[in-house]
Amino acid sequence: YTVYVNDKKKCGVTKRTFYILDYPKYFTPNG
């Protein structure tokens, strides 16, 4: 995702990219 932050005092826009990583809450290694 990319987030854009727009300063309310009209000082400019900054953008940042970030990642949301997910993982299984369980797993079943039974073949």
PDB file of all heavy atoms in Angstrom:
ATOM      1  N   TYR A   1       0.837  -1.191   0.000  1.00  0.00           N
ATOM      2  CA  TYR A   1       0.000   0.000   0.000  1.00  0.00           C
ATOM      3  C   TYR A   1       0.872   1.241   0.000  1.00  0.00           C
ATOM      4  O   TYR A   1       1.983   1.221   0.522  1.00  0.00           O
ATOM      5  CB  TYR A   1      -0.902   0.039   1.237  1.00  0.00           C
ATOM      6  CG  TYR A   1      -1.919  -1.067   1.281  1.00  0.00           C
ATOM      7  CD1 TYR A   1      -1.627  -2.290   1.870  1.00  0.00           C
ATOM      8  CD2 TYR A   1      -3.183  -0.901   0.721  1.00  0.00           C
ATOM      9  CE1 TYR A   1      -2.553  -3.311   1.899  1.00  0.00           C
ATOM     10  CE2 TYR A   1      -4.116  -1.914   0.752  1.00  0.00           C
ATOM     11  CZ  TYR A   1      -3.792  -3.118   1.347  1.00  0.00           C
ATOM     12  OH  TYR A   1      -4.710  -4.127   1.377  1.00  0.00           O
ATOM     13  N   THR A   2       0.356   2.323  -0.563  1.00  0.00           N
ATOM     14  CA  THR A   2       1.009   3.621  -0.502  1.00  0.00           C
ATOM     15  C   THR A   2       0.061   4.594   0.172  1.00  0.00           C
ATOM     16  O   THR A   2      -1.110   4.702  -0.213  1.00  0.00           O
ATOM     17  CB  THR A   2       1.374   4.141  -1.906  1.00  0.00           C
ATOM     18  OG1 THR A   2       2.233   3.175  -2.538  1.00  0.00           O
ATOM     19  CG2 THR A   2       2.089   5.474  -1.836  1.00  0.00           C
ATOM     20  N   VAL A   3       0.558   5.278   1.190  1.00  0.00           N
ATOM     21  CA  VAL A   3      -0.229   6.261   1.928  1.00  0.00           C
ATOM     22  C   VAL A   3       0.298   7.642   1.573  1.00  0.00           C
ATOM     23  O   VAL A   3       1.514   7.877   1.568  1.00  0.00           O
ATOM     24  CB  VAL A   3      -0.104   6.035   3.453  1.00  0.00           C
ATOM     25  CG1 VAL A   3      -0.796   7.147   4.217  1.00  0.00           C
ATOM     26  CG2 VAL A   3      -0.677   4.699   3.836  1.00  0.00           C
ATOM     27  N   TYR A   4      -0.606   8.551   1.289  1.00  0.00           N
ATOM     28  CA  TYR A   4      -0.260   9.939   1.006  1.00  0.00           C
ATOM     29  C   TYR A   4      -0.751  10.802   2.161  1.00  0.00           C
ATOM     30  O   TYR A   4      -1.922  10.721   2.543  1.00  0.00           O
ATOM     31  CB  TYR A   4      -0.922  10.405  -0.294  1.00  0.00           C
ATOM     32  CG  TYR A   4      -0.413   9.679  -1.513  1.00  0.00           C
ATOM     33  CD1 TYR A   4      -0.973   8.466  -1.903  1.00  0.00           C
ATOM     34  CD2 TYR A   4       0.625  10.203  -2.267  1.00  0.00           C
ATOM     35  CE1 TYR A   4      -0.508   7.790  -3.010  1.00  0.00           C
ATOM     36  CE2 TYR A   4       1.093   9.532  -3.386  1.00  0.00           C
ATOM     37  CZ  TYR A   4       0.522   8.327  -3.753  1.00  0.00           C
ATOM     38  OH  TYR A   4       0.987   7.662  -4.849  1.00  0.00           O
ATOM     39  N   VAL A   5       0.140  11.603   2.717  1.00  0.00           N
ATOM     40  CA  VAL A   5      -0.214  12.500   3.812  1.00  0.00           C
ATOM     41  C   VAL A   5      -0.166  13.921   3.276  1.00  0.00           C
ATOM     42  O   VAL A   5       0.866  14.383   2.792  1.00  0.00           O
ATOM     43  CB  VAL A   5       0.760  12.339   5.002  1.00  0.00           C
ATOM     44  CG1 VAL A   5       0.398  13.302   6.111  1.00  0.00           C
ATOM     45  CG2 VAL A   5       0.759  10.904   5.489  1.00  0.00           C
ATOM     46  N   ASN A   6      -1.310  14.597   3.365  1.00  0.00           N
ATOM     47  CA  ASN A   6      -1.427  15.969   2.867  1.00  0.00           C
ATOM     48  C   ASN A   6      -1.505  16.908   4.070  1.00  0.00           C
ATOM     49  O   ASN A   6      -2.462  16.859   4.839  1.00  0.00           O
ATOM     50  CB  ASN A   6      -2.690  16.091   2.007  1.00  0.00           C
ATOM     51  CG  ASN A   6      -2.796  17.435   1.321  1.00  0.00           C
ATOM     52  OD1 ASN A   6      -1.880  18.228   1.354  1.00  0.00           O
ATOM     53  ND2 ASN A   6      -3.931  17.663   0.691  1.00  0.00           N
ATOM     54  N   ASP A   7      -0.491  17.734   4.235  1.00  0.00           N
ATOM     55  CA  ASP A   7      -0.448  18.667   5.357  1.00  0.00           C
ATOM     56  C   ASP A   7      -1.594  19.676   5.233  1.00  0.00           C
ATOM     57  O   ASP A   7      -1.782  20.287   4.191  1.00  0.00           O
ATOM     58  CB  ASP A   7       0.897  19.390   5.365  1.00  0.00           C
ATOM     59  CG  ASP A   7       1.086  20.233   6.593  1.00  0.00           C
ATOM     60  OD1 ASP A   7       0.406  21.282   6.687  1.00  0.00           O
ATOM     61  OD2 ASP A   7       1.890  19.850   7.450  1.00  0.00           O
ATOM     62  N   LYS A   8      -2.368  19.838   6.309  1.00  0.00           N
ATOM     63  CA  LYS A   8      -3.522  20.744   6.277  1.00  0.00           C
ATOM     64  C   LYS A   8      -3.114  22.211   6.184  1.00  0.00           C
ATOM     65  O   LYS A   8      -3.920  23.057   5.828  1.00  0.00           O
ATOM     66  CB  LYS A   8      -4.396  20.533   7.510  1.00  0.00           C
ATOM     67  CG  LYS A   8      -5.161  19.230   7.457  1.00  0.00           C
ATOM     68  CD  LYS A   8      -6.109  19.105   8.617  1.00  0.00           C
ATOM     69  CE  LYS A   8      -6.947  17.869   8.474  1.00  0.00           C
ATOM     70  NZ  LYS A   8      -7.984  17.775   9.491  1.00  0.00           N
ATOM     71  N   LYS A   9      -1.872  22.517   6.485  1.00  0.00           N
ATOM     72  CA  LYS A   9      -1.379  23.899   6.385  1.00  0.00           C
ATOM     73  C   LYS A   9      -0.729  24.156   5.031  1.00  0.00           C
ATOM     74  O   LYS A   9      -0.007  25.115   4.856  1.00  0.00           O
ATOM     75  CB  LYS A   9      -0.406  24.181   7.513  1.00  0.00           C
ATOM     76  CG  LYS A   9      -1.084  24.120   8.869  1.00  0.00           C
ATOM     77  CD  LYS A   9      -0.125  24.447   9.977  1.00  0.00           C
ATOM     78  CE  LYS A   9      -0.850  24.333  11.312  1.00  0.00           C
ATOM     79  NZ  LYS A   9      -0.004  24.630  12.438  1.00  0.00           N
ATOM     80  N   LYS A  10      -0.998  23.273   4.084  1.00  0.00           N
ATOM     81  CA  LYS A  10      -0.534  23.395   2.696  1.00  0.00           C
ATOM     82  C   LYS A  10       0.989  23.385   2.572  1.00  0.00           C
ATOM     83  O   LYS A  10       1.566  24.065   1.734  1.00  0.00           O
ATOM     84  CB  LYS A  10      -1.098  24.673   2.048  1.00  0.00           C
ATOM     85  CG  LYS A  10      -2.601  24.826   2.158  1.00  0.00           C
ATOM     86  CD  LYS A  10      -3.309  23.846   1.297  1.00  0.00           C
ATOM     87  CE  LYS A  10      -4.805  24.132   1.338  1.00  0.00           C
ATOM     88  NZ  LYS A  10      -5.619  22.999   1.389  1.00  0.00           N
ATOM     89  N   CYS A  11       1.649  22.594   3.427  1.00  0.00           N
ATOM     90  CA  CYS A  11       3.106  22.481   3.370  1.00  0.00           C
ATOM     91  C   CYS A  11       3.575  21.368   2.436  1.00  0.00           C
ATOM     92  O   CYS A  11       4.759  21.148   2.271  1.00  0.00           O
ATOM     93  CB  CYS A  11       3.679  22.250   4.766  1.00  0.00           C
ATOM     94  SG  CYS A  11       3.492  23.674   5.849  1.00  0.00           S
ATOM     95  N   GLY A  12       2.658  20.633   1.847  1.00  0.00           N
ATOM     96  CA  GLY A  12       3.045  19.603   0.896  1.00  0.00           C
ATOM     97  C   GLY A  12       2.456  18.244   1.187  1.00  0.00           C
ATOM     98  O   GLY A  12       1.742  18.047   2.165  1.00  0.00           O
ATOM     99  N   VAL A  13       2.775  17.328   0.303  1.00  0.00           N
ATOM    100  CA  VAL A  13       2.287  15.956   0.391  1.00  0.00           C
ATOM    101  C   VAL A  13       3.496  15.031   0.532  1.00  0.00           C
ATOM    102  O   VAL A  13       4.490  15.189  -0.157  1.00  0.00           O
ATOM    103  CB  VAL A  13       1.481  15.575  -0.875  1.00  0.00           C
ATOM    104  CG1 VAL A  13       1.086  14.119  -0.862  1.00  0.00           C
ATOM    105  CG2 VAL A  13       0.264  16.472  -1.015  1.00  0.00           C
ATOM    106  N   THR A  14       3.376  14.084   1.430  1.00  0.00           N
ATOM    107  CA  THR A  14       4.402  13.057   1.624  1.00  0.00           C
ATOM    108  C   THR A  14       3.764  11.711   1.364  1.00  0.00           C
ATOM    109  O   THR A  14       2.602  11.502   1.707  1.00  0.00           O
ATOM    110  CB  THR A  14       4.936  13.089   3.073  1.00  0.00           C
ATOM    111  OG1 THR A  14       5.486  14.378   3.324  1.00  0.00           O
ATOM    112  CG2 THR A  14       5.993  12.045   3.286  1.00  0.00           C
ATOM    113  N   LYS A  15       4.526  10.814   0.764  1.00  0.00           N
ATOM    114  CA  LYS A  15       3.981   9.476   0.546  1.00  0.00           C
ATOM    115  C   LYS A  15       4.921   8.433   1.132  1.00  0.00           C
ATOM    116  O   LYS A  15       6.131   8.622   1.175  1.00  0.00           O
ATOM    117  CB  LYS A  15       3.713   9.205  -0.926  1.00  0.00           C
ATOM    118  CG  LYS A  15       4.913   8.911  -1.765  1.00  0.00           C
ATOM    119  CD  LYS A  15       4.499   8.542  -3.174  1.00  0.00           C
ATOM    120  CE  LYS A  15       5.707   8.076  -3.959  1.00  0.00           C
ATOM    121  NZ  LYS A  15       5.339   7.580  -5.266  1.00  0.00           N
ATOM    122  N   ARG A  16       4.328   7.338   1.624  1.00  0.00           N
ATOM    123  CA  ARG A  16       5.071   6.221   2.180  1.00  0.00           C
ATOM    124  C   ARG A  16       4.440   4.925   1.692  1.00  0.00           C
ATOM    125  O   ARG A  16       3.223   4.806   1.652  1.00  0.00           O
ATOM    126  CB  ARG A  16       5.029   6.220   3.710  1.00  0.00           C
ATOM    127  CG  ARG A  16       5.732   7.361   4.365  1.00  0.00           C
ATOM    128  CD  ARG A  16       7.239   7.119   4.326  1.00  0.00           C
ATOM    129  NE  ARG A  16       7.950   8.327   4.641  1.00  0.00           N
ATOM    130  CZ  ARG A  16       8.510   8.603   5.802  1.00  0.00           C
ATOM    131  NH1 ARG A  16       8.421   7.757   6.778  1.00  0.00           N
ATOM    132  NH2 ARG A  16       9.156   9.729   5.973  1.00  0.00           N
ATOM    133  N   THR A  17       5.279   3.974   1.348  1.00  0.00           N
ATOM    134  CA  THR A  17       4.818   2.645   0.967  1.00  0.00           C
ATOM    135  C   THR A  17       5.009   1.730   2.163  1.00  0.00           C
ATOM    136  O   THR A  17       6.010   1.804   2.866  1.00  0.00           O
ATOM    137  CB  THR A  17       5.618   2.128  -0.233  1.00  0.00           C
ATOM    138  OG1 THR A  17       5.415   3.018  -1.333  1.00  0.00           O
ATOM    139  CG2 THR A  17       5.175   0.736  -0.634  1.00  0.00           C
ATOM    140  N   PHE A  18       4.037   0.882   2.410  1.00  0.00           N
ATOM    141  CA  PHE A  18       4.147  -0.086   3.488  1.00  0.00           C
ATOM    142  C   PHE A  18       3.533  -1.401   3.052  1.00  0.00           C
ATOM    143  O   PHE A  18       2.819  -1.478   2.061  1.00  0.00           O
ATOM    144  CB  PHE A  18       3.500   0.439   4.787  1.00  0.00           C
ATOM    145  CG  PHE A  18       2.003   0.554   4.730  1.00  0.00           C
ATOM    146  CD1 PHE A  18       1.194  -0.460   5.193  1.00  0.00           C
ATOM    147  CD2 PHE A  18       1.403   1.705   4.219  1.00  0.00           C
ATOM    148  CE1 PHE A  18      -0.182  -0.348   5.152  1.00  0.00           C
ATOM    149  CE2 PHE A  18       0.028   1.817   4.185  1.00  0.00           C
ATOM    150  CZ  PHE A  18      -0.769   0.792   4.641  1.00  0.00           C
ATOM    151  N   TYR A  19       3.854  -2.441   3.801  1.00  0.00           N
ATOM    152  CA  TYR A  19       3.389  -3.780   3.485  1.00  0.00           C
ATOM    153  C   TYR A  19       2.597  -4.331   4.662  1.00  0.00           C
ATOM    154  O   TYR A  19       2.967  -4.130   5.815  1.00  0.00           O
ATOM    155  CB  TYR A  19       4.556  -4.731   3.228  1.00  0.00           C
ATOM    156  CG  TYR A  19       5.464  -4.253   2.137  1.00  0.00           C
ATOM    157  CD1 TYR A  19       6.655  -3.623   2.436  1.00  0.00           C
ATOM    158  CD2 TYR A  19       5.122  -4.420   0.802  1.00  0.00           C
ATOM    159  CE1 TYR A  19       7.489  -3.172   1.431  1.00  0.00           C
ATOM    160  CE2 TYR A  19       5.943  -3.972  -0.207  1.00  0.00           C
ATOM    161  CZ  TYR A  19       7.135  -3.351   0.122  1.00  0.00           C
ATOM    162  OH  TYR A  19       7.952  -2.906  -0.878  1.00  0.00           O
ATOM    163  N   ILE A  20       1.543  -5.032   4.361  1.00  0.00           N
ATOM    164  CA  ILE A  20       0.834  -5.809   5.366  1.00  0.00           C
ATOM    165  C   ILE A  20       1.150  -7.265   5.063  1.00  0.00           C
ATOM    166  O   ILE A  20       0.846  -7.768   3.987  1.00  0.00           O
ATOM    167  CB  ILE A  20      -0.690  -5.557   5.315  1.00  0.00           C
ATOM    168  CG1 ILE A  20      -0.988  -4.112   5.678  1.00  0.00           C
ATOM    169  CG2 ILE A  20      -1.404  -6.527   6.250  1.00  0.00           C
ATOM    170  CD1 ILE A  20      -2.443  -3.746   5.594  1.00  0.00           C
ATOM    171  N   LEU A  21       1.835  -7.894   6.015  1.00  0.00           N
ATOM    172  CA  LEU A  21       2.185  -9.298   5.876  1.00  0.00           C
ATOM    173  C   LEU A  21       1.263 -10.101   6.779  1.00  0.00           C
ATOM    174  O   LEU A  21       0.973  -9.696   7.898  1.00  0.00           O
ATOM    175  CB  LEU A  21       3.644  -9.514   6.267  1.00  0.00           C
ATOM    176  CG  LEU A  21       4.662  -8.714   5.449  1.00  0.00           C
ATOM    177  CD1 LEU A  21       6.048  -8.875   6.018  1.00  0.00           C
ATOM    178  CD2 LEU A  21       4.624  -9.141   3.992  1.00  0.00           C
ATOM    179  N   ASP A  22       0.819 -11.233   6.312  1.00  0.00           N
ATOM    180  CA  ASP A  22      -0.109 -12.057   7.073  1.00  0.00           C
ATOM    181  C   ASP A  22       0.485 -13.447   7.245  1.00  0.00           C
ATOM    182  O   ASP A  22       1.387 -13.844   6.514  1.00  0.00           O
ATOM    183  CB  ASP A  22      -1.447 -12.136   6.336  1.00  0.00           C
ATOM    184  CG  ASP A  22      -2.582 -12.608   7.221  1.00  0.00           C
ATOM    185  OD1 ASP A  22      -2.396 -12.695   8.451  1.00  0.00           O
ATOM    186  OD2 ASP A  22      -3.657 -12.905   6.682  1.00  0.00           O
ATOM    187  N   TYR A  23      -0.014 -14.163   8.225  1.00  0.00           N
ATOM    188  CA  TYR A  23       0.461 -15.518   8.482  1.00  0.00           C
ATOM    189  C   TYR A  23      -0.706 -16.363   8.976  1.00  0.00           C
ATOM    190  O   TYR A  23      -1.654 -15.845   9.550  1.00  0.00           O
ATOM    191  CB  TYR A  23       1.597 -15.519   9.506  1.00  0.00           C
ATOM    192  CG  TYR A  23       1.206 -14.965  10.846  1.00  0.00           C
ATOM    193  CD1 TYR A  23       0.720 -15.801  11.850  1.00  0.00           C
ATOM    194  CD2 TYR A  23       1.313 -13.617  11.124  1.00  0.00           C
ATOM    195  CE1 TYR A  23       0.351 -15.299  13.086  1.00  0.00           C
ATOM    196  CE2 TYR A  23       0.947 -13.102  12.359  1.00  0.00           C
ATOM    197  CZ  TYR A  23       0.473 -13.946  13.328  1.00  0.00           C
ATOM    198  OH  TYR A  23       0.105 -13.444  14.547  1.00  0.00           O
ATOM    199  N   PRO A  24      -0.631 -17.677   8.760  1.00  0.00           N
ATOM    200  CA  PRO A  24      -1.701 -18.552   9.254  1.00  0.00           C
ATOM    201  C   PRO A  24      -1.719 -18.577  10.782  1.00  0.00           C
ATOM    202  O   PRO A  24      -0.672 -18.586  11.419  1.00  0.00           O
ATOM    203  CB  PRO A  24      -1.334 -19.930   8.707  1.00  0.00           C
ATOM    204  CG  PRO A  24      -0.291 -19.712   7.685  1.00  0.00           C
ATOM    205  CD  PRO A  24       0.358 -18.411   7.986  1.00  0.00           C
ATOM    206  N   LYS A  25      -2.889 -18.620  11.358  1.00  0.00           N
ATOM    207  CA  LYS A  25      -3.029 -18.692  12.820  1.00  0.00           C
ATOM    208  C   LYS A  25      -2.791 -20.116  13.318  1.00  0.00           C
ATOM    209  O   LYS A  25      -2.607 -20.340  14.500  1.00  0.00           O
ATOM    210  CB  LYS A  25      -4.418 -18.216  13.256  1.00  0.00           C
ATOM    211  CG  LYS A  25      -4.798 -16.837  12.733  1.00  0.00           C
ATOM    212  CD  LYS A  25      -3.796 -15.771  13.112  1.00  0.00           C
ATOM    213  CE  LYS A  25      -4.254 -14.421  12.606  1.00  0.00           C
ATOM    214  NZ  LYS A  25      -3.291 -13.734  11.786  1.00  0.00           N
ATOM    215  N   TYR A  26      -2.809 -21.076  12.403  1.00  0.00           N
ATOM    216  CA  TYR A  26      -2.512 -22.466  12.730  1.00  0.00           C
ATOM    217  C   TYR A  26      -2.041 -23.172  11.468  1.00  0.00           C
ATOM    218  O   TYR A  26      -2.240 -22.684  10.351  1.00  0.00           O
ATOM    219  CB  TYR A  26      -3.738 -23.186  13.301  1.00  0.00           C
ATOM    220  CG  TYR A  26      -4.829 -23.390  12.290  1.00  0.00           C
ATOM    221  CD1 TYR A  26      -4.892 -24.556  11.547  1.00  0.00           C
ATOM    222  CD2 TYR A  26      -5.778 -22.400  12.054  1.00  0.00           C
ATOM    223  CE1 TYR A  26      -5.881 -24.741  10.589  1.00  0.00           C
ATOM    224  CE2 TYR A  26      -6.770 -22.579  11.107  1.00  0.00           C
ATOM    225  CZ  TYR A  26      -6.819 -23.751  10.384  1.00  0.00           C
ATOM    226  OH  TYR A  26      -7.776 -23.931   9.437  1.00  0.00           O
ATOM    227  N   PHE A  27      -1.395 -24.319  11.647  1.00  0.00           N
ATOM    228  CA  PHE A  27      -1.091 -25.178  10.512  1.00  0.00           C
ATOM    229  C   PHE A  27      -1.108 -26.628  10.977  1.00  0.00           C
ATOM    230  O   PHE A  27      -1.072 -26.919  12.175  1.00  0.00           O
ATOM    231  CB  PHE A  27       0.216 -24.775   9.820  1.00  0.00           C
ATOM    232  CG  PHE A  27       1.492 -25.193  10.489  1.00  0.00           C
ATOM    233  CD1 PHE A  27       2.338 -26.089   9.875  1.00  0.00           C
ATOM    234  CD2 PHE A  27       1.877 -24.657  11.716  1.00  0.00           C
ATOM    235  CE1 PHE A  27       3.536 -26.460  10.469  1.00  0.00           C
ATOM    236  CE2 PHE A  27       3.062 -25.013  12.303  1.00  0.00           C
ATOM    237  CZ  PHE A  27       3.897 -25.925  11.687  1.00  0.00           C
ATOM    238  N   THR A  28      -1.227 -27.547  10.005  1.00  0.00           N
ATOM    239  CA  THR A  28      -1.426 -28.969  10.319  1.00  0.00           C
ATOM    240  C   THR A  28      -0.472 -29.829   9.493  1.00  0.00           C
ATOM    241  O   THR A  28      -0.857 -30.360   8.455  1.00  0.00           O
ATOM    242  CB  THR A  28      -2.880 -29.379  10.016  1.00  0.00           C
ATOM    243  OG1 THR A  28      -3.155 -29.060   8.641  1.00  0.00           O
ATOM    244  CG2 THR A  28      -3.870 -28.648  10.906  1.00  0.00           C
ATOM    245  N   PRO A  29       0.767 -29.986   9.939  1.00  0.00           N
ATOM    246  CA  PRO A  29       1.743 -30.753   9.144  1.00  0.00           C
ATOM    247  C   PRO A  29       1.529 -32.265   9.251  1.00  0.00           C
ATOM    248  O   PRO A  29       2.274 -32.978   9.917  1.00  0.00           O
ATOM    249  CB  PRO A  29       3.078 -30.332   9.766  1.00  0.00           C
ATOM    250  CG  PRO A  29       2.752 -30.007  11.172  1.00  0.00           C
ATOM    251  CD  PRO A  29       1.364 -29.428  11.142  1.00  0.00           C
ATOM    252  N   ASN A  30       0.501 -32.747   8.582  1.00  0.00           N
ATOM    253  CA  ASN A  30       0.158 -34.165   8.662  1.00  0.00           C
ATOM    254  C   ASN A  30       0.344 -34.896   7.331  1.00  0.00           C
ATOM    255  O   ASN A  30      -0.096 -36.028   7.184  1.00  0.00           O
ATOM    256  CB  ASN A  30      -1.278 -34.339   9.171  1.00  0.00           C
ATOM    257  CG  ASN A  30      -2.287 -33.619   8.296  1.00  0.00           C
ATOM    258  OD1 ASN A  30      -1.941 -33.122   7.228  1.00  0.00           O
ATOM    259  ND2 ASN A  30      -3.516 -33.529   8.751  1.00  0.00           N
ATOM    260  N   GLY A  31       0.950 -34.226   6.352  1.00  0.00           N
ATOM    261  CA  GLY A  31       1.258 -34.885   5.088  1.00  0.00           C
ATOM    262  C   GLY A  31       0.138 -34.930   4.076  1.00  0.00           C
ATOM    263  O   GLY A  31       0.255 -35.610   3.063  1.00  0.00           O
TER     264      GLY A  31
END
